[in-house]
Structure formats: structure tokens, C-alpha cells
Amino acid sequence: MKLDFKRIIEKWIPQNTKVLDLGCGDGDLLEHLIDSKNVNGFGIEIDISKANEVLDWVPKYSNLNTIIDSAWVWYNSNTYRGLSNAK
């Protein structure tokens, strides 16, 4: 993602907040927000083929709503402790 777009989006995000990035691709924007805004970030790539390519894995669920629901539950659980790097 171009740096100009990252800076525009960065202005909308409060410091030290949670960010759920749907359609995160390779996590470039989320990594930028972690570095610049100290966000607690989690990315979900909604294009299964991109997720498989970037992460080299196959998701447990194939239904997008189920994937998002399960990710959101995990994100809000005590199990989730945050990411130090989006990639």
C-alpha cells in the first residue's frame, strides 16, 4: 500500500487502540499502524487464495461469515495477547 494512503488512514486511528483489518492482504497497513500508532492489530484476508498464498495455510472454515465470527471471538478472548509484527 502506498505511504500516502497509510498516512491518511493513520489519521483516523486512535493511538493504542484495537484494529481489525478485513482484507489485510500481506499485512502492510496493519504493520504500519502497529509501528506508528501502537495498535493492537489483527488482520483477516477475505480472499482465501491470497490468505493461502501469504500464510501458506488453508483456513479451518470456508464460509467467510464463519471465518470472521471465529476470528472475532478469538480476538476478544483472553487467548489473544496482541501481535508484535503484522507479517
N, C-alpha and C. Protein backbone atom coordinates (compact mmCIF):
# COMPACT_ATOMS: atom_id res chain seq x y z
N MET A 1 0.85 -1.17 0.00
CA MET A 1 0.00 0.00 0.00
C MET A 1 0.89 1.24 0.00
N LYS A 2 0.49 2.23 -0.75
CA LYS A 2 1.28 3.46 -0.84
C LYS A 2 1.30 4.20 0.50
N LEU A 3 2.43 4.80 0.78
CA LEU A 3 2.61 5.51 2.03
C LEU A 3 1.58 6.62 2.22
N ASP A 4 1.17 7.30 1.15
CA ASP A 4 0.17 8.37 1.24
C ASP A 4 -1.14 7.83 1.82
N PHE A 5 -1.58 6.66 1.34
CA PHE A 5 -2.83 6.08 1.83
C PHE A 5 -2.68 5.65 3.29
N LYS A 6 -1.53 5.10 3.63
CA LYS A 6 -1.29 4.70 5.02
C LYS A 6 -1.40 5.89 5.95
N ARG A 7 -0.85 7.01 5.54
CA ARG A 7 -0.88 8.21 6.39
C ARG A 7 -2.29 8.78 6.53
N ILE A 8 -3.09 8.68 5.47
CA ILE A 8 -4.49 9.13 5.55
C ILE A 8 -5.25 8.25 6.52
N ILE A 9 -5.13 6.94 6.39
CA ILE A 9 -5.83 6.00 7.27
C ILE A 9 -5.33 6.15 8.70
N GLU A 10 -4.04 6.35 8.86
CA GLU A 10 -3.42 6.51 10.18
C GLU A 10 -4.09 7.65 10.97
N LYS A 11 -4.51 8.71 10.28
CA LYS A 11 -5.15 9.85 10.95
C LYS A 11 -6.50 9.48 11.57
N TRP A 12 -7.14 8.45 11.05
CA TRP A 12 -8.46 8.03 11.55
C TRP A 12 -8.35 7.10 12.76
N ILE A 13 -7.17 6.57 13.02
CA ILE A 13 -7.00 5.54 14.04
C ILE A 13 -6.41 6.14 15.31
N PRO A 14 -7.10 5.99 16.44
CA PRO A 14 -6.55 6.50 17.70
C PRO A 14 -5.31 5.70 18.14
N GLN A 15 -4.46 6.34 18.88
CA GLN A 15 -3.28 5.69 19.47
C GLN A 15 -3.72 4.59 20.42
N ASN A 16 -3.00 3.49 20.46
CA ASN A 16 -3.19 2.39 21.44
C ASN A 16 -4.59 1.79 21.41
N THR A 17 -5.14 1.61 20.22
CA THR A 17 -6.48 1.03 20.11
C THR A 17 -6.40 -0.34 19.44
N LYS A 18 -7.53 -1.04 19.37
CA LYS A 18 -7.60 -2.31 18.66
C LYS A 18 -7.99 -2.04 17.21
N VAL A 19 -7.39 -2.79 16.29
CA VAL A 19 -7.72 -2.68 14.87
C VAL A 19 -7.95 -4.07 14.31
N LEU A 20 -9.09 -4.25 13.69
CA LEU A 20 -9.39 -5.48 12.96
C LEU A 20 -9.38 -5.11 11.48
N ASP A 21 -8.40 -5.59 10.75
CA ASP A 21 -8.20 -5.23 9.34
C ASP A 21 -8.74 -6.35 8.46
N LEU A 22 -9.93 -6.12 7.88
CA LEU A 22 -10.54 -7.10 6.98
C LEU A 22 -10.02 -6.86 5.57
N GLY A 23 -9.54 -7.90 4.94
CA GLY A 23 -8.94 -7.77 3.61
C GLY A 23 -7.54 -7.21 3.71
N CYS A 24 -6.77 -7.72 4.67
CA CYS A 24 -5.47 -7.13 5.02
C CYS A 24 -4.35 -7.45 4.04
N GLY A 25 -4.57 -8.37 3.11
CA GLY A 25 -3.51 -8.72 2.16
C GLY A 25 -2.30 -9.25 2.89
N ASP A 26 -1.14 -8.61 2.67
CA ASP A 26 0.09 -9.08 3.31
C ASP A 26 0.33 -8.42 4.66
N GLY A 27 -0.61 -7.63 5.15
CA GLY A 27 -0.49 -7.02 6.47
C GLY A 27 0.30 -5.72 6.49
N ASP A 28 0.57 -5.17 5.33
CA ASP A 28 1.39 -3.96 5.22
C ASP A 28 0.79 -2.78 5.99
N LEU A 29 -0.49 -2.51 5.82
CA LEU A 29 -1.15 -1.41 6.53
C LEU A 29 -1.16 -1.67 8.03
N LEU A 30 -1.50 -2.87 8.41
CA LEU A 30 -1.56 -3.21 9.83
C LEU A 30 -0.19 -3.07 10.48
N GLU A 31 0.84 -3.50 9.79
CA GLU A 31 2.19 -3.34 10.31
C GLU A 31 2.53 -1.85 10.50
N HIS A 32 2.12 -1.03 9.55
CA HIS A 32 2.35 0.41 9.65
C HIS A 32 1.63 0.99 10.88
N LEU A 33 0.39 0.57 11.10
CA LEU A 33 -0.38 1.08 12.24
C LEU A 33 0.18 0.60 13.57
N ILE A 34 0.71 -0.61 13.60
CA ILE A 34 1.35 -1.11 14.82
C ILE A 34 2.57 -0.26 15.13
N ASP A 35 3.35 0.04 14.11
CA ASP A 35 4.57 0.85 14.31
C ASP A 35 4.26 2.31 14.62
N SER A 36 3.28 2.89 13.94
CA SER A 36 3.04 4.33 14.09
C SER A 36 2.05 4.70 15.18
N LYS A 37 1.09 3.80 15.48
CA LYS A 37 0.03 4.13 16.44
C LYS A 37 -0.02 3.17 17.62
N ASN A 38 0.91 2.21 17.65
CA ASN A 38 0.95 1.22 18.72
C ASN A 38 -0.39 0.51 18.89
N VAL A 39 -1.03 0.17 17.76
CA VAL A 39 -2.32 -0.52 17.83
C VAL A 39 -2.12 -1.98 18.18
N ASN A 40 -3.17 -2.57 18.71
CA ASN A 40 -3.26 -3.99 18.95
C ASN A 40 -4.00 -4.53 17.73
N GLY A 41 -3.28 -5.06 16.74
CA GLY A 41 -3.88 -5.34 15.44
C GLY A 41 -4.05 -6.80 15.12
N PHE A 42 -5.10 -7.07 14.34
CA PHE A 42 -5.39 -8.41 13.85
C PHE A 42 -5.92 -8.28 12.44
N GLY A 43 -5.34 -9.00 11.50
CA GLY A 43 -5.77 -8.93 10.11
C GLY A 43 -6.40 -10.21 9.63
N ILE A 44 -7.44 -10.07 8.83
CA ILE A 44 -8.10 -11.21 8.19
C ILE A 44 -8.13 -10.93 6.70
N GLU A 45 -7.51 -11.81 5.94
CA GLU A 45 -7.59 -11.69 4.49
C GLU A 45 -8.85 -12.41 4.03
N ILE A 46 -9.75 -11.69 3.38
CA ILE A 46 -11.04 -12.27 2.99
C ILE A 46 -10.97 -13.03 1.69
N ASP A 47 -9.91 -12.86 0.93
CA ASP A 47 -9.71 -13.63 -0.30
C ASP A 47 -8.92 -14.87 0.07
N ILE A 48 -9.59 -16.02 0.08
CA ILE A 48 -8.99 -17.27 0.54
C ILE A 48 -7.71 -17.59 -0.21
N SER A 49 -7.70 -17.36 -1.52
CA SER A 49 -6.49 -17.69 -2.29
C SER A 49 -5.31 -16.80 -1.87
N LYS A 50 -5.57 -15.53 -1.54
CA LYS A 50 -4.50 -14.65 -1.06
C LYS A 50 -4.00 -15.10 0.31
N ALA A 51 -4.93 -15.48 1.18
CA ALA A 51 -4.55 -15.96 2.51
C ALA A 51 -3.68 -17.21 2.39
N ASN A 52 -4.08 -18.12 1.52
CA ASN A 52 -3.29 -19.34 1.32
C ASN A 52 -1.89 -19.00 0.82
N GLU A 53 -1.81 -18.05 -0.09
CA GLU A 53 -0.52 -17.66 -0.68
C GLU A 53 0.38 -16.97 0.35
N VAL A 54 -0.17 -16.00 1.08
CA VAL A 54 0.62 -15.23 2.03
C VAL A 54 1.02 -16.06 3.24
N LEU A 55 0.08 -16.82 3.76
CA LEU A 55 0.31 -17.55 5.00
C LEU A 55 0.73 -19.00 4.80
N ASP A 56 0.57 -19.49 3.59
CA ASP A 56 0.88 -20.88 3.27
C ASP A 56 0.10 -21.85 4.16
N TRP A 57 -1.20 -21.58 4.30
CA TRP A 57 -2.07 -22.48 5.05
C TRP A 57 -3.48 -22.43 4.50
N VAL A 58 -4.28 -23.40 4.86
CA VAL A 58 -5.68 -23.46 4.44
C VAL A 58 -6.53 -23.22 5.68
N PRO A 59 -7.48 -22.28 5.61
CA PRO A 59 -8.30 -21.97 6.79
C PRO A 59 -9.17 -23.15 7.21
N LYS A 60 -9.49 -23.20 8.48
CA LYS A 60 -10.33 -24.25 9.05
C LYS A 60 -11.75 -24.18 8.48
N TYR A 61 -12.23 -22.95 8.21
CA TYR A 61 -13.59 -22.75 7.71
C TYR A 61 -13.54 -22.16 6.30
N SER A 62 -14.50 -22.51 5.47
CA SER A 62 -14.53 -21.96 4.11
C SER A 62 -15.56 -20.84 3.96
N ASN A 63 -16.49 -20.75 4.89
CA ASN A 63 -17.53 -19.72 4.83
C ASN A 63 -16.98 -18.43 5.45
N LEU A 64 -17.03 -17.32 4.69
CA LEU A 64 -16.46 -16.06 5.15
C LEU A 64 -17.06 -15.59 6.47
N ASN A 65 -18.37 -15.69 6.64
CA ASN A 65 -19.01 -15.25 7.89
C ASN A 65 -18.50 -16.06 9.08
N THR A 66 -18.33 -17.35 8.88
CA THR A 66 -17.83 -18.21 9.95
C THR A 66 -16.39 -17.85 10.29
N ILE A 67 -15.58 -17.57 9.28
CA ILE A 67 -14.19 -17.18 9.49
C ILE A 67 -14.13 -15.89 10.31
N ILE A 68 -14.92 -14.89 9.91
CA ILE A 68 -14.92 -13.61 10.61
C ILE A 68 -15.44 -13.77 12.04
N ASP A 69 -16.53 -14.53 12.20
CA ASP A 69 -17.09 -14.75 13.53
C ASP A 69 -16.09 -15.42 14.46
N SER A 70 -15.43 -16.47 13.98
CA SER A 70 -14.47 -17.18 14.82
C SER A 70 -13.25 -16.32 15.12
N ALA A 71 -12.81 -15.52 14.15
CA ALA A 71 -11.67 -14.63 14.38
C ALA A 71 -12.03 -13.56 15.41
N TRP A 72 -13.23 -13.04 15.34
CA TRP A 72 -13.66 -12.00 16.27
C TRP A 72 -13.75 -12.56 17.69
N VAL A 73 -14.28 -13.77 17.83
CA VAL A 73 -14.34 -14.41 19.15
C VAL A 73 -12.94 -14.59 19.71
N TRP A 74 -12.03 -15.10 18.86
CA TRP A 74 -10.64 -15.30 19.30
C TRP A 74 -9.99 -13.97 19.66
N TYR A 75 -10.21 -12.96 18.85
CA TYR A 75 -9.61 -11.64 19.07
C TYR A 75 -10.03 -11.05 20.42
N ASN A 76 -11.27 -11.27 20.81
CA ASN A 76 -11.78 -10.72 22.05
C ASN A 76 -11.59 -11.65 23.25
N SER A 77 -11.01 -12.82 23.03
CA SER A 77 -10.81 -13.77 24.12
C SER A 77 -9.55 -13.45 24.90
N ASN A 78 -9.39 -14.11 26.01
CA ASN A 78 -8.18 -13.96 26.81
C ASN A 78 -6.99 -14.62 26.15
N THR A 79 -7.23 -15.47 25.17
CA THR A 79 -6.16 -16.16 24.46
C THR A 79 -5.34 -15.18 23.65
N TYR A 80 -5.98 -14.17 23.12
CA TYR A 80 -5.31 -13.21 22.24
C TYR A 80 -4.50 -12.23 23.09
N ARG A 81 -3.22 -12.12 22.78
CA ARG A 81 -2.35 -11.23 23.55
C ARG A 81 -1.75 -10.12 22.69
N GLY A 82 -2.11 -10.04 21.42
CA GLY A 82 -1.60 -8.99 20.54
C GLY A 82 -0.48 -9.48 19.65
N LEU A 83 -0.21 -8.71 18.64
CA LEU A 83 0.83 -9.04 17.68
C LEU A 83 1.97 -8.05 17.78
N SER A 84 3.18 -8.53 17.72
CA SER A 84 4.30 -7.62 17.70
C SER A 84 4.71 -7.28 16.28
N ASN A 85 4.23 -8.08 15.32
CA ASN A 85 4.55 -7.86 13.92
C ASN A 85 3.39 -8.39 13.09
N ALA A 86 2.91 -7.60 12.14
CA ALA A 86 1.74 -7.99 11.34
C ALA A 86 2.05 -9.06 10.33
N LYS A 87 3.29 -9.21 9.93
CA LYS A 87 3.62 -10.20 8.90
C LYS A 87 4.03 -11.51 9.49
